[in-house]
Amino acid sequence: DMLFNSTFLEEEIEREKKVVMEEIKMYEDTPDDHVHDLLAT
C-alpha cells in the first residue's frame, strides 16, 4: 500500500523537507560520520 498508493500531499512534502534539512544539520554535527561523505567526494 505504501509503495503503490502514497499520496505525497503538498503539506506533507513541505513538512518532510524541514525534517530532512534537520537530518542534514544533525549529520553535519556528527563529524565522524560526515568525514566519510567528504572522502566519497
Full PDB file with SEQRES, HELIX, SHEET, SSBOND, CRYST1, ORIGX, SCALE, CONECT and MASTER records, all heavy atoms in Angstrom:
SEQRES   1 A   41  ASP MET LEU PHE ASN SER THR PHE LEU GLU GLU GLU ILE          
SEQRES   2 A   41  GLU ARG GLU LYS LYS VAL VAL MET GLU GLU ILE LYS MET          
SEQRES   3 A   41  TYR GLU ASP THR PRO ASP ASP HIS VAL HIS ASP LEU LEU          
SEQRES   4 A   41  ALA THR                                                      
HELIX    1 AA1 MET A    2  ASN A    5  1                                   4    
HELIX    2 AA2 GLU A   10  GLU A   28  1                                  19    
HELIX    3 AA3 PRO A   31  ALA A   40  1                                  10    
CRYST1    1.000    1.000    1.000  90.00  90.00  90.00 P 1           1          
ORIGX1      1.000000  0.000000  0.000000        0.00000                         
ORIGX2      0.000000  1.000000  0.000000        0.00000                         
ORIGX3      0.000000  0.000000  1.000000        0.00000                         
SCALE1      1.000000  0.000000  0.000000        0.00000                         
SCALE2      0.000000  1.000000  0.000000        0.00000                         
SCALE3      0.000000  0.000000  1.000000        0.00000                         
ATOM      1  N   ASP A   1       0.843  -1.199   0.000  1.00  0.00           N  
ATOM      2  CA  ASP A   1       0.000   0.000   0.000  1.00  0.00           C  
ATOM      3  C   ASP A   1       0.884   1.256   0.000  1.00  0.00           C  
ATOM      4  O   ASP A   1       0.655   2.208  -0.749  1.00  0.00           O  
ATOM      5  CB  ASP A   1      -0.919  -0.021   1.229  1.00  0.00           C  
ATOM      6  CG  ASP A   1      -1.930   1.121   1.234  1.00  0.00           C  
ATOM      7  OD1 ASP A   1      -2.333   1.559   0.137  1.00  0.00           O  
ATOM      8  OD2 ASP A   1      -2.317   1.571   2.335  1.00  0.00           O  
ATOM      9  N   MET A   2       1.925   1.241   0.847  1.00  0.00           N  
ATOM     10  CA  MET A   2       2.851   2.373   0.925  1.00  0.00           C  
ATOM     11  C   MET A   2       3.552   2.605  -0.414  1.00  0.00           C  
ATOM     12  O   MET A   2       3.727   3.735  -0.859  1.00  0.00           O  
ATOM     13  CB  MET A   2       3.906   2.114   2.014  1.00  0.00           C  
ATOM     14  CG  MET A   2       3.378   2.187   3.429  1.00  0.00           C  
ATOM     15  SD  MET A   2       4.445   1.296   4.602  1.00  0.00           S  
ATOM     16  CE  MET A   2       5.978   2.217   4.485  1.00  0.00           C  
ATOM     17  N   LEU A   3       3.916   1.514  -1.042  1.00  0.00           N  
ATOM     18  CA  LEU A   3       4.690   1.604  -2.286  1.00  0.00           C  
ATOM     19  C   LEU A   3       3.844   2.064  -3.476  1.00  0.00           C  
ATOM     20  O   LEU A   3       4.303   2.837  -4.312  1.00  0.00           O  
ATOM     21  CB  LEU A   3       5.311   0.230  -2.586  1.00  0.00           C  
ATOM     22  CG  LEU A   3       6.683   0.223  -3.241  1.00  0.00           C  
ATOM     23  CD1 LEU A   3       7.701   0.962  -2.400  1.00  0.00           C  
ATOM     24  CD2 LEU A   3       7.149  -1.189  -3.495  1.00  0.00           C  
ATOM     25  N   PHE A   4       2.598   1.586  -3.544  1.00  0.00           N  
ATOM     26  CA  PHE A   4       1.772   1.863  -4.734  1.00  0.00           C  
ATOM     27  C   PHE A   4       0.800   3.023  -4.566  1.00  0.00           C  
ATOM     28  O   PHE A   4       0.372   3.617  -5.539  1.00  0.00           O  
ATOM     29  CB  PHE A   4       0.952   0.613  -5.115  1.00  0.00           C  
ATOM     30  CG  PHE A   4       1.802  -0.563  -5.497  1.00  0.00           C  
ATOM     31  CD1 PHE A   4       1.438  -1.848  -5.112  1.00  0.00           C  
ATOM     32  CD2 PHE A   4       2.952  -0.393  -6.238  1.00  0.00           C  
ATOM     33  CE1 PHE A   4       2.216  -2.940  -5.456  1.00  0.00           C  
ATOM     34  CE2 PHE A   4       3.736  -1.476  -6.587  1.00  0.00           C  
ATOM     35  CZ  PHE A   4       3.371  -2.753  -6.198  1.00  0.00           C  
ATOM     36  N   ASN A   5       0.405   3.311  -3.330  1.00  0.00           N  
ATOM     37  CA  ASN A   5      -0.698   4.266  -3.134  1.00  0.00           C  
ATOM     38  C   ASN A   5      -0.330   5.503  -2.328  1.00  0.00           C  
ATOM     39  O   ASN A   5      -1.201   6.173  -1.778  1.00  0.00           O  
ATOM     40  CB  ASN A   5      -1.881   3.560  -2.444  1.00  0.00           C  
ATOM     41  CG  ASN A   5      -2.359   2.363  -3.249  1.00  0.00           C  
ATOM     42  OD1 ASN A   5      -2.493   2.452  -4.465  1.00  0.00           O  
ATOM     43  ND2 ASN A   5      -2.584   1.247  -2.570  1.00  0.00           N  
ATOM     44  N   SER A   6       0.962   5.812  -2.219  1.00  0.00           N  
ATOM     45  CA  SER A   6       1.348   7.007  -1.461  1.00  0.00           C  
ATOM     46  C   SER A   6       0.747   8.255  -2.094  1.00  0.00           C  
ATOM     47  O   SER A   6       0.745   8.403  -3.319  1.00  0.00           O  
ATOM     48  CB  SER A   6       2.873   7.131  -1.408  1.00  0.00           C  
ATOM     49  OG  SER A   6       3.380   6.287  -0.403  1.00  0.00           O  
ATOM     50  N   THR A   7       0.242   9.155  -1.238  1.00  0.00           N  
ATOM     51  CA  THR A   7      -0.478  10.328  -1.771  1.00  0.00           C  
ATOM     52  C   THR A   7       0.441  11.519  -2.043  1.00  0.00           C  
ATOM     53  O   THR A   7       0.133  12.351  -2.891  1.00  0.00           O  
ATOM     54  CB  THR A   7      -1.576  10.766  -0.776  1.00  0.00           C  
ATOM     55  OG1 THR A   7      -1.019  10.721   0.540  1.00  0.00           O  
ATOM     56  CG2 THR A   7      -2.772   9.851  -0.852  1.00  0.00           C  
ATOM     57  N   PHE A   8       1.584  11.613  -1.339  1.00  0.00           N  
ATOM     58  CA  PHE A   8       2.517  12.740  -1.497  1.00  0.00           C  
ATOM     59  C   PHE A   8       1.786  14.084  -1.413  1.00  0.00           C  
ATOM     60  O   PHE A   8       1.873  14.906  -2.320  1.00  0.00           O  
ATOM     61  CB  PHE A   8       3.285  12.652  -2.828  1.00  0.00           C  
ATOM     62  CG  PHE A   8       4.048  11.380  -3.034  1.00  0.00           C  
ATOM     63  CD1 PHE A   8       4.090  10.761  -4.280  1.00  0.00           C  
ATOM     64  CD2 PHE A   8       4.748  10.788  -1.988  1.00  0.00           C  
ATOM     65  CE1 PHE A   8       4.802   9.578  -4.472  1.00  0.00           C  
ATOM     66  CE2 PHE A   8       5.467   9.611  -2.177  1.00  0.00           C  
ATOM     67  CZ  PHE A   8       5.487   9.002  -3.424  1.00  0.00           C  
ATOM     68  N   LEU A   9       1.058  14.297  -0.339  1.00  0.00           N  
ATOM     69  CA  LEU A   9       0.334  15.563  -0.160  1.00  0.00           C  
ATOM     70  C   LEU A   9       1.325  16.716  -0.006  1.00  0.00           C  
ATOM     71  O   LEU A   9       2.368  16.562   0.646  1.00  0.00           O  
ATOM     72  CB  LEU A   9      -0.567  15.500   1.084  1.00  0.00           C  
ATOM     73  CG  LEU A   9      -1.681  14.441   1.054  1.00  0.00           C  
ATOM     74  CD1 LEU A   9      -2.373  14.355   2.405  1.00  0.00           C  
ATOM     75  CD2 LEU A   9      -2.690  14.747  -0.046  1.00  0.00           C  
ATOM     76  N   GLU A  10       0.981  17.866  -0.600  1.00  0.00           N  
ATOM     77  CA  GLU A  10       1.896  19.021  -0.595  1.00  0.00           C  
ATOM     78  C   GLU A  10       2.322  19.413   0.820  1.00  0.00           C  
ATOM     79  O   GLU A  10       3.497  19.678   1.068  1.00  0.00           O  
ATOM     80  CB  GLU A  10       1.244  20.235  -1.285  1.00  0.00           C  
ATOM     81  CG  GLU A  10       1.014  20.073  -2.782  1.00  0.00           C  
ATOM     82  CD  GLU A  10       2.300  19.984  -3.609  1.00  0.00           C  
ATOM     83  OE1 GLU A  10       3.378  20.286  -3.057  1.00  0.00           O  
ATOM     84  OE2 GLU A  10       2.220  19.614  -4.796  1.00  0.00           O  
ATOM     85  N   GLU A  11       1.332  19.435   1.764  1.00  0.00           N  
ATOM     86  CA  GLU A  11       1.704  19.866   3.127  1.00  0.00           C  
ATOM     87  C   GLU A  11       2.652  18.867   3.792  1.00  0.00           C  
ATOM     88  O   GLU A  11       3.533  19.234   4.571  1.00  0.00           O  
ATOM     89  CB  GLU A  11       0.463  20.125   4.012  1.00  0.00           C  
ATOM     90  CG  GLU A  11      -0.414  18.909   4.283  1.00  0.00           C  
ATOM     91  CD  GLU A  11      -1.599  18.805   3.329  1.00  0.00           C  
ATOM     92  OE1 GLU A  11      -1.477  19.265   2.170  1.00  0.00           O  
ATOM     93  OE2 GLU A  11      -2.629  18.266   3.764  1.00  0.00           O  
ATOM     94  N   GLU A  12       2.471  17.565   3.455  1.00  0.00           N  
ATOM     95  CA  GLU A  12       3.387  16.539   3.985  1.00  0.00           C  
ATOM     96  C   GLU A  12       4.783  16.715   3.398  1.00  0.00           C  
ATOM     97  O   GLU A  12       5.783  16.568   4.097  1.00  0.00           O  
ATOM     98  CB  GLU A  12       2.863  15.125   3.658  1.00  0.00           C  
ATOM     99  CG  GLU A  12       1.658  14.683   4.466  1.00  0.00           C  
ATOM    100  CD  GLU A  12       1.989  14.319   5.912  1.00  0.00           C  
ATOM    101  OE1 GLU A  12       3.156  14.450   6.320  1.00  0.00           O  
ATOM    102  OE2 GLU A  12       1.055  13.932   6.642  1.00  0.00           O  
ATOM    103  N   ILE A  13       4.841  17.021   2.095  1.00  0.00           N  
ATOM    104  CA  ILE A  13       6.133  17.222   1.431  1.00  0.00           C  
ATOM    105  C   ILE A  13       6.870  18.396   2.081  1.00  0.00           C  
ATOM    106  O   ILE A  13       8.055  18.289   2.410  1.00  0.00           O  
ATOM    107  CB  ILE A  13       5.941  17.466  -0.097  1.00  0.00           C  
ATOM    108  CG1 ILE A  13       5.474  16.170  -0.773  1.00  0.00           C  
ATOM    109  CG2 ILE A  13       7.244  17.962  -0.742  1.00  0.00           C  
ATOM    110  CD1 ILE A  13       5.133  16.300  -2.251  1.00  0.00           C  
ATOM    111  N   GLU A  14       6.167  19.501   2.291  1.00  0.00           N  
ATOM    112  CA  GLU A  14       6.800  20.693   2.879  1.00  0.00           C  
ATOM    113  C   GLU A  14       7.289  20.401   4.305  1.00  0.00           C  
ATOM    114  O   GLU A  14       8.365  20.824   4.707  1.00  0.00           O  
ATOM    115  CB  GLU A  14       5.831  21.886   2.882  1.00  0.00           C  
ATOM    116  CG  GLU A  14       5.528  22.441   1.498  1.00  0.00           C  
ATOM    117  CD  GLU A  14       6.779  22.694   0.654  1.00  0.00           C  
ATOM    118  OE1 GLU A  14       7.720  23.343   1.159  1.00  0.00           O  
ATOM    119  OE2 GLU A  14       6.845  22.219  -0.503  1.00  0.00           O  
ATOM    120  N   ARG A  15       6.473  19.665   5.051  1.00  0.00           N  
ATOM    121  CA  ARG A  15       6.857  19.327   6.432  1.00  0.00           C  
ATOM    122  C   ARG A  15       8.087  18.414   6.432  1.00  0.00           C  
ATOM    123  O   ARG A  15       9.009  18.593   7.221  1.00  0.00           O  
ATOM    124  CB  ARG A  15       5.685  18.645   7.139  1.00  0.00           C  
ATOM    125  CG  ARG A  15       5.849  18.590   8.652  1.00  0.00           C  
ATOM    126  CD  ARG A  15       4.686  17.919   9.337  1.00  0.00           C  
ATOM    127  NE  ARG A  15       3.410  18.552   9.013  1.00  0.00           N  
ATOM    128  CZ  ARG A  15       2.312  17.885   8.645  1.00  0.00           C  
ATOM    129  NH1 ARG A  15       2.346  16.580   8.531  1.00  0.00           N  
ATOM    130  NH2 ARG A  15       1.200  18.523   8.367  1.00  0.00           N  
ATOM    131  N   GLU A  16       8.078  17.445   5.524  1.00  0.00           N  
ATOM    132  CA  GLU A  16       9.183  16.471   5.494  1.00  0.00           C  
ATOM    133  C   GLU A  16      10.489  17.109   5.010  1.00  0.00           C  
ATOM    134  O   GLU A  16      11.573  16.682   5.398  1.00  0.00           O  
ATOM    135  CB  GLU A  16       8.812  15.265   4.619  1.00  0.00           C  
ATOM    136  CG  GLU A  16       9.532  13.975   4.988  1.00  0.00           C  
ATOM    137  CD  GLU A  16       9.352  13.566   6.448  1.00  0.00           C  
ATOM    138  OE1 GLU A  16       8.288  13.845   7.037  1.00  0.00           O  
ATOM    139  OE2 GLU A  16      10.290  12.959   7.003  1.00  0.00           O  
ATOM    140  N   LYS A  17      10.358  18.150   4.175  1.00  0.00           N  
ATOM    141  CA  LYS A  17      11.564  18.878   3.749  1.00  0.00           C  
ATOM    142  C   LYS A  17      12.280  19.434   4.976  1.00  0.00           C  
ATOM    143  O   LYS A  17      13.504  19.362   5.097  1.00  0.00           O  
ATOM    144  CB  LYS A  17      11.198  20.037   2.807  1.00  0.00           C  
ATOM    145  CG  LYS A  17      10.888  19.596   1.382  1.00  0.00           C  
ATOM    146  CD  LYS A  17      10.541  20.801   0.522  1.00  0.00           C  
ATOM    147  CE  LYS A  17      10.155  20.381  -0.888  1.00  0.00           C  
ATOM    148  NZ  LYS A  17       9.774  21.530  -1.725  1.00  0.00           N  
ATOM    149  N   LYS A  18      11.483  19.985   5.913  1.00  0.00           N  
ATOM    150  CA  LYS A  18      12.074  20.546   7.137  1.00  0.00           C  
ATOM    151  C   LYS A  18      12.761  19.441   7.960  1.00  0.00           C  
ATOM    152  O   LYS A  18      13.842  19.639   8.500  1.00  0.00           O  
ATOM    153  CB  LYS A  18      10.999  21.249   7.976  1.00  0.00           C  
ATOM    154  CG  LYS A  18      10.464  22.508   7.288  1.00  0.00           C  
ATOM    155  CD  LYS A  18       9.789  23.475   8.237  1.00  0.00           C  
ATOM    156  CE  LYS A  18       8.468  23.030   8.734  1.00  0.00           C  
ATOM    157  NZ  LYS A  18       7.542  23.994   9.216  1.00  0.00           N  
ATOM    158  N   VAL A  19      12.107  18.265   8.013  1.00  0.00           N  
ATOM    159  CA  VAL A  19      12.662  17.132   8.766  1.00  0.00           C  
ATOM    160  C   VAL A  19      14.011  16.707   8.173  1.00  0.00           C  
ATOM    161  O   VAL A  19      14.996  16.517   8.895  1.00  0.00           O  
ATOM    162  CB  VAL A  19      11.674  15.932   8.760  1.00  0.00           C  
ATOM    163  CG1 VAL A  19      12.331  14.686   9.350  1.00  0.00           C  
ATOM    164  CG2 VAL A  19      10.409  16.273   9.530  1.00  0.00           C  
ATOM    165  N   VAL A  20      14.056  16.578   6.844  1.00  0.00           N  
ATOM    166  CA  VAL A  20      15.293  16.124   6.187  1.00  0.00           C  
ATOM    167  C   VAL A  20      16.394  17.183   6.324  1.00  0.00           C  
ATOM    168  O   VAL A  20      17.561  16.847   6.515  1.00  0.00           O  
ATOM    169  CB  VAL A  20      15.036  15.748   4.709  1.00  0.00           C  
ATOM    170  CG1 VAL A  20      16.344  15.429   3.985  1.00  0.00           C  
ATOM    171  CG2 VAL A  20      14.113  14.522   4.624  1.00  0.00           C  
ATOM    172  N   MET A  21      16.016  18.453   6.270  1.00  0.00           N  
ATOM    173  CA  MET A  21      17.035  19.505   6.436  1.00  0.00           C  
ATOM    174  C   MET A  21      17.599  19.494   7.859  1.00  0.00           C  
ATOM    175  O   MET A  21      18.769  19.772   8.061  1.00  0.00           O  
ATOM    176  CB  MET A  21      16.460  20.877   6.043  1.00  0.00           C  
ATOM    177  CG  MET A  21      16.298  20.977   4.526  1.00  0.00           C  
ATOM    178  SD  MET A  21      15.968  22.617   3.912  1.00  0.00           S  
ATOM    179  CE  MET A  21      14.223  22.767   4.025  1.00  0.00           C  
ATOM    180  N   GLU A  22      16.751  19.127   8.833  1.00  0.00           N  
ATOM    181  CA  GLU A  22      17.257  18.951  10.205  1.00  0.00           C  
ATOM    182  C   GLU A  22      18.189  17.729  10.261  1.00  0.00           C  
ATOM    183  O   GLU A  22      19.195  17.738  10.979  1.00  0.00           O  
ATOM    184  CB  GLU A  22      16.103  18.768  11.199  1.00  0.00           C  
ATOM    185  CG  GLU A  22      15.316  20.028  11.495  1.00  0.00           C  
ATOM    186  CD  GLU A  22      16.168  21.171  12.013  1.00  0.00           C  
ATOM    187  OE1 GLU A  22      17.130  20.924  12.772  1.00  0.00           O  
ATOM    188  OE2 GLU A  22      15.895  22.328  11.633  1.00  0.00           O  
ATOM    189  N   GLU A  23      17.821  16.696   9.506  1.00  0.00           N  
ATOM    190  CA  GLU A  23      18.659  15.490   9.458  1.00  0.00           C  
ATOM    191  C   GLU A  23      20.038  15.832   8.886  1.00  0.00           C  
ATOM    192  O   GLU A  23      21.066  15.332   9.353  1.00  0.00           O  
ATOM    193  CB  GLU A  23      17.968  14.417   8.600  1.00  0.00           C  
ATOM    194  CG  GLU A  23      18.607  13.052   8.716  1.00  0.00           C  
ATOM    195  CD  GLU A  23      17.924  11.970   7.869  1.00  0.00           C  
ATOM    196  OE1 GLU A  23      16.819  12.206   7.331  1.00  0.00           O  
ATOM    197  OE2 GLU A  23      18.503  10.895   7.751  1.00  0.00           O  
ATOM    198  N   ILE A  24      20.066  16.702   7.859  1.00  0.00           N  
ATOM    199  CA  ILE A  24      21.340  17.122   7.262  1.00  0.00           C  
ATOM    200  C   ILE A  24      22.183  17.861   8.308  1.00  0.00           C  
ATOM    201  O   ILE A  24      23.380  17.607   8.455  1.00  0.00           O  
ATOM    202  CB  ILE A  24      21.104  18.025   6.019  1.00  0.00           C  
ATOM    203  CG1 ILE A  24      20.481  17.201   4.883  1.00  0.00           C  
ATOM    204  CG2 ILE A  24      22.412  18.668   5.542  1.00  0.00           C  
ATOM    205  CD1 ILE A  24      20.034  18.022   3.671  1.00  0.00           C  
ATOM    206  N   LYS A  25      21.534  18.762   9.067  1.00  0.00           N  
ATOM    207  CA  LYS A  25      22.268  19.515  10.108  1.00  0.00           C  
ATOM    208  C   LYS A  25      22.822  18.564  11.174  1.00  0.00           C  
ATOM    209  O   LYS A  25      23.972  18.697  11.620  1.00  0.00           O  
ATOM    210  CB  LYS A  25      21.343  20.533  10.780  1.00  0.00           C  
ATOM    211  CG  LYS A  25      20.955  21.714   9.897  1.00  0.00           C  
ATOM    212  CD  LYS A  25      20.307  22.812  10.759  1.00  0.00           C  
ATOM    213  CE  LYS A  25      19.683  23.897   9.907  1.00  0.00           C  
ATOM    214  NZ  LYS A  25      18.307  23.613   9.499  1.00  0.00           N  
ATOM    215  N   MET A  26      21.990  17.617  11.570  1.00  0.00           N  
ATOM    216  CA  MET A  26      22.391  16.653  12.594  1.00  0.00           C  
ATOM    217  C   MET A  26      23.618  15.863  12.112  1.00  0.00           C  
ATOM    218  O   MET A  26      24.574  15.624  12.847  1.00  0.00           O  
ATOM    219  CB  MET A  26      21.220  15.690  12.862  1.00  0.00           C  
ATOM    220  CG  MET A  26      21.485  14.644  13.904  1.00  0.00           C  
ATOM    221  SD  MET A  26      20.037  13.593  14.139  1.00  0.00           S  
ATOM    222  CE  MET A  26      20.285  12.363  12.882  1.00  0.00           C  
ATOM    223  N   TYR A  27      23.553  15.515  10.841  1.00  0.00           N  
ATOM    224  CA  TYR A  27      24.602  14.733  10.221  1.00  0.00           C  
ATOM    225  C   TYR A  27      25.910  15.529  10.146  1.00  0.00           C  
ATOM    226  O   TYR A  27      26.988  15.019  10.434  1.00  0.00           O  
ATOM    227  CB  TYR A  27      24.101  14.368   8.818  1.00  0.00           C  
ATOM    228  CG  TYR A  27      25.026  13.524   8.027  1.00  0.00           C  
ATOM    229  CD1 TYR A  27      25.388  12.269   8.482  1.00  0.00           C  
ATOM    230  CD2 TYR A  27      25.540  13.958   6.814  1.00  0.00           C  
ATOM    231  CE1 TYR A  27      26.244  11.480   7.755  1.00  0.00           C  
ATOM    232  CE2 TYR A  27      26.380  13.180   6.075  1.00  0.00           C  
ATOM    233  CZ  TYR A  27      26.738  11.941   6.553  1.00  0.00           C  
ATOM    234  OH  TYR A  27      27.593  11.168   5.834  1.00  0.00           O  
ATOM    235  N   GLU A  28      25.775  16.825   9.802  1.00  0.00           N  
ATOM    236  CA  GLU A  28      26.981  17.665   9.716  1.00  0.00           C  
ATOM    237  C   GLU A  28      27.553  17.970  11.096  1.00  0.00           C  
ATOM    238  O   GLU A  28      28.716  18.332  11.226  1.00  0.00           O  
ATOM    239  CB  GLU A  28      26.678  18.958   8.951  1.00  0.00           C  
ATOM    240  CG  GLU A  28      26.534  18.666   7.459  1.00  0.00           C  
ATOM    241  CD  GLU A  28      26.185  19.876   6.618  1.00  0.00           C  
ATOM    242  OE1 GLU A  28      25.845  20.924   7.215  1.00  0.00           O  
ATOM    243  OE2 GLU A  28      26.245  19.774   5.382  1.00  0.00           O  
ATOM    244  N   ASP A  29      26.718  17.800  12.125  1.00  0.00           N  
ATOM    245  CA  ASP A  29      27.195  17.946  13.508  1.00  0.00           C  
ATOM    246  C   ASP A  29      27.850  16.667  14.026  1.00  0.00           C  
ATOM    247  O   ASP A  29      28.265  16.607  15.185  1.00  0.00           O  
ATOM    248  CB  ASP A  29      26.024  18.307  14.440  1.00  0.00           C  
ATOM    249  CG  ASP A  29      25.771  19.803  14.469  1.00  0.00           C  
ATOM    250  OD1 ASP A  29      26.648  20.549  13.999  1.00  0.00           O  
ATOM    251  OD2 ASP A  29      24.690  20.214  14.934  1.00  0.00           O  
ATOM    252  N   THR A  30      27.876  15.636  13.191  1.00  0.00           N  
ATOM    253  CA  THR A  30      28.487  14.358  13.586  1.00  0.00           C  
ATOM    254  C   THR A  30      29.705  14.123  12.692  1.00  0.00           C  
ATOM    255  O   THR A  30      29.628  13.417  11.685  1.00  0.00           O  
ATOM    256  CB  THR A  30      27.472  13.195  13.411  1.00  0.00           C  
ATOM    257  OG1 THR A  30      26.193  13.640  13.839  1.00  0.00           O  
ATOM    258  CG2 THR A  30      27.878  11.959  14.179  1.00  0.00           C  
ATOM    259  N   PRO A  31      30.836  14.745  13.051  1.00  0.00           N  
ATOM    260  CA  PRO A  31      31.982  14.728  12.135  1.00  0.00           C  
ATOM    261  C   PRO A  31      32.517  13.336  11.810  1.00  0.00           C  
ATOM    262  O   PRO A  31      33.016  13.098  10.712  1.00  0.00           O  
ATOM    263  CB  PRO A  31      33.035  15.570  12.857  1.00  0.00           C  
ATOM    264  CG  PRO A  31      32.581  15.660  14.267  1.00  0.00           C  
ATOM    265  CD  PRO A  31      31.108  15.525  14.255  1.00  0.00           C  
ATOM    266  N   ASP A  32      32.392  12.399  12.770  1.00  0.00           N  
ATOM    267  CA  ASP A  32      32.913  11.058  12.477  1.00  0.00           C  
ATOM    268  C   ASP A  32      32.063  10.335  11.429  1.00  0.00           C  
ATOM    269  O   ASP A  32      32.489   9.328  10.862  1.00  0.00           O  
ATOM    270  CB  ASP A  32      33.055  10.207  13.750  1.00  0.00           C  
ATOM    271  CG  ASP A  32      31.793  10.177  14.585  1.00  0.00           C  
ATOM    272  OD1 ASP A  32      31.014  11.143  14.507  1.00  0.00           O  
ATOM    273  OD2 ASP A  32      31.568   9.194  15.311  1.00  0.00           O  
ATOM    274  N   ASP A  33      30.845  10.832  11.163  1.00  0.00           N  
ATOM    275  CA  ASP A  33      30.031  10.337  10.039  1.00  0.00           C  
ATOM    276  C   ASP A  33      30.303  11.171   8.789  1.00  0.00           C  
ATOM    277  O   ASP A  33      30.506  10.638   7.705  1.00  0.00           O  
ATOM    278  CB  ASP A  33      28.523  10.466  10.360  1.00  0.00           C  
ATOM    279  CG  ASP A  33      28.008   9.252  11.107  1.00  0.00           C  
ATOM    280  OD1 ASP A  33      28.746   8.257  11.174  1.00  0.00           O  
ATOM    281  OD2 ASP A  33      26.887   9.314  11.637  1.00  0.00           O  
ATOM    282  N   HIS A  34      30.284  12.472   8.986  1.00  0.00           N  
ATOM    283  CA  HIS A  34      30.370  13.415   7.868  1.00  0.00           C  
ATOM    284  C   HIS A  34      31.674  13.251   7.075  1.00  0.00           C  
ATOM    285  O   HIS A  34      31.703  13.414   5.859  1.00  0.00           O  
ATOM    286  CB  HIS A  34      30.234  14.838   8.427  1.00  0.00           C  
ATOM    287  CG  HIS A  34      30.163  15.897   7.381  1.00  0.00           C  
ATOM    288  ND1 HIS A  34      29.387  15.763   6.253  1.00  0.00           N  
ATOM    289  CD2 HIS A  34      30.790  17.109   7.274  1.00  0.00           C  
ATOM    290  CE1 HIS A  34      29.533  16.851   5.506  1.00  0.00           C  
ATOM    291  NE2 HIS A  34      30.376  17.673   6.101  1.00  0.00           N  
ATOM    292  N   VAL A  35      32.750  12.897   7.773  1.00  0.00           N  
ATOM    293  CA  VAL A  35      34.059  12.769   7.113  1.00  0.00           C  
ATOM    294  C   VAL A  35      34.043  11.668   6.032  1.00  0.00           C  
ATOM    295  O   VAL A  35      34.751  11.747   5.032  1.00  0.00           O  
ATOM    296  CB  VAL A  35      35.180  12.531   8.175  1.00  0.00           C  
ATOM    297  CG1 VAL A  35      35.119  11.136   8.769  1.00  0.00           C  
ATOM    298  CG2 VAL A  35      36.559  12.800   7.569  1.00  0.00           C  
ATOM    299  N   HIS A  36      33.158  10.675   6.203  1.00  0.00           N  
ATOM    300  CA  HIS A  36      33.076   9.595   5.203  1.00  0.00           C  
ATOM    301  C   HIS A  36      32.462  10.108   3.895  1.00  0.00           C  
ATOM    302  O   HIS A  36      32.816   9.645   2.813  1.00  0.00           O  
ATOM    303  CB  HIS A  36      32.273   8.412   5.757  1.00  0.00           C  
ATOM    304  CG  HIS A  36      32.947   7.744   6.909  1.00  0.00           C  
ATOM    305  ND1 HIS A  36      33.855   6.716   6.761  1.00  0.00           N  
ATOM    306  CD2 HIS A  36      32.897   7.981   8.241  1.00  0.00           C  
ATOM    307  CE1 HIS A  36      34.304   6.347   7.936  1.00  0.00           C  
ATOM    308  NE2 HIS A  36      33.740   7.106   8.859  1.00  0.00           N  
ATOM    309  N   ASP A  37      31.515  11.057   4.014  1.00  0.00           N  
ATOM    310  CA  ASP A  37      30.948  11.679   2.813  1.00  0.00           C  
ATOM    311  C   ASP A  37      31.975  12.552   2.107  1.00  0.00           C  
ATOM    312  O   ASP A  37      32.023  12.601   0.881  1.00  0.00           O  
ATOM    313  CB  ASP A  37      29.729  12.535   3.183  1.00  0.00           C  
ATOM    314  CG  ASP A  37      28.434  11.803   2.878  1.00  0.00           C  
ATOM    315  OD1 ASP A  37      28.514  10.654   2.410  1.00  0.00           O  
ATOM    316  OD2 ASP A  37      27.353  12.368   3.105  1.00  0.00           O  
ATOM    317  N   LEU A  38      32.776  13.259   2.886  1.00  0.00           N  
ATOM    318  CA  LEU A  38      33.839  14.079   2.297  1.00  0.00           C  
ATOM    319  C   LEU A  38      34.828  13.180   1.556  1.00  0.00           C  
ATOM    320  O   LEU A  38      35.336  13.533   0.495  1.00  0.00           O  
ATOM    321  CB  LEU A  38      34.576  14.878   3.374  1.00  0.00           C  
ATOM    322  CG  LEU A  38      33.783  15.974   4.091  1.00  0.00           C  
ATOM    323  CD1 LEU A  38      34.670  16.687   5.110  1.00  0.00           C  
ATOM    324  CD2 LEU A  38      33.233  16.998   3.097  1.00  0.00           C  
ATOM    325  N   LEU A  39      35.086  11.997   2.127  1.00  0.00           N  
ATOM    326  CA  LEU A  39      36.002  11.063   1.455  1.00  0.00           C  
ATOM    327  C   LEU A  39      35.431  10.602   0.115  1.00  0.00           C  
ATOM    328  O   LEU A  39      36.149  10.471  -0.870  1.00  0.00           O  
ATOM    329  CB  LEU A  39      36.293   9.848   2.347  1.00  0.00           C  
ATOM    330  CG  LEU A  39      37.300   8.860   1.713  1.00  0.00           C  
ATOM    331  CD1 LEU A  39      38.704   9.452   1.701  1.00  0.00           C  
ATOM    332  CD2 LEU A  39      37.317   7.530   2.439  1.00  0.00           C  
ATOM    333  N   ALA A  40      34.103  10.372   0.074  1.00  0.00           N  
ATOM    334  CA  ALA A  40      33.460   9.969  -1.192  1.00  0.00           C  
ATOM    335  C   ALA A  40      33.669  11.041  -2.254  1.00  0.00           C  
ATOM    336  O   ALA A  40      33.953  10.743  -3.424  1.00  0.00           O  
ATOM    337  CB  ALA A  40      31.972   9.712  -0.972  1.00  0.00           C  
ATOM    338  N   THR A  41      33.574  12.312  -1.858  1.00  0.00           N  
ATOM    339  CA  THR A  41      33.800  13.416  -2.799  1.00  0.00           C  
ATOM    340  C   THR A  41      35.268  13.463  -3.227  1.00  0.00           C  
ATOM    341  O   THR A  41      35.584  13.671  -4.400  1.00  0.00           O  
ATOM    342  CB  THR A  41      33.391  14.762  -2.157  1.00  0.00           C  
ATOM    343  OG1 THR A  41      32.058  14.625  -1.660  1.00  0.00           O  
ATOM    344  CG2 THR A  41      33.439  15.900  -3.149  1.00  0.00           C  
TER     345      THR A  41                                                      
MASTER        0    0    0    3    0    0    0    6  344    1    0    4          
END                                                                             
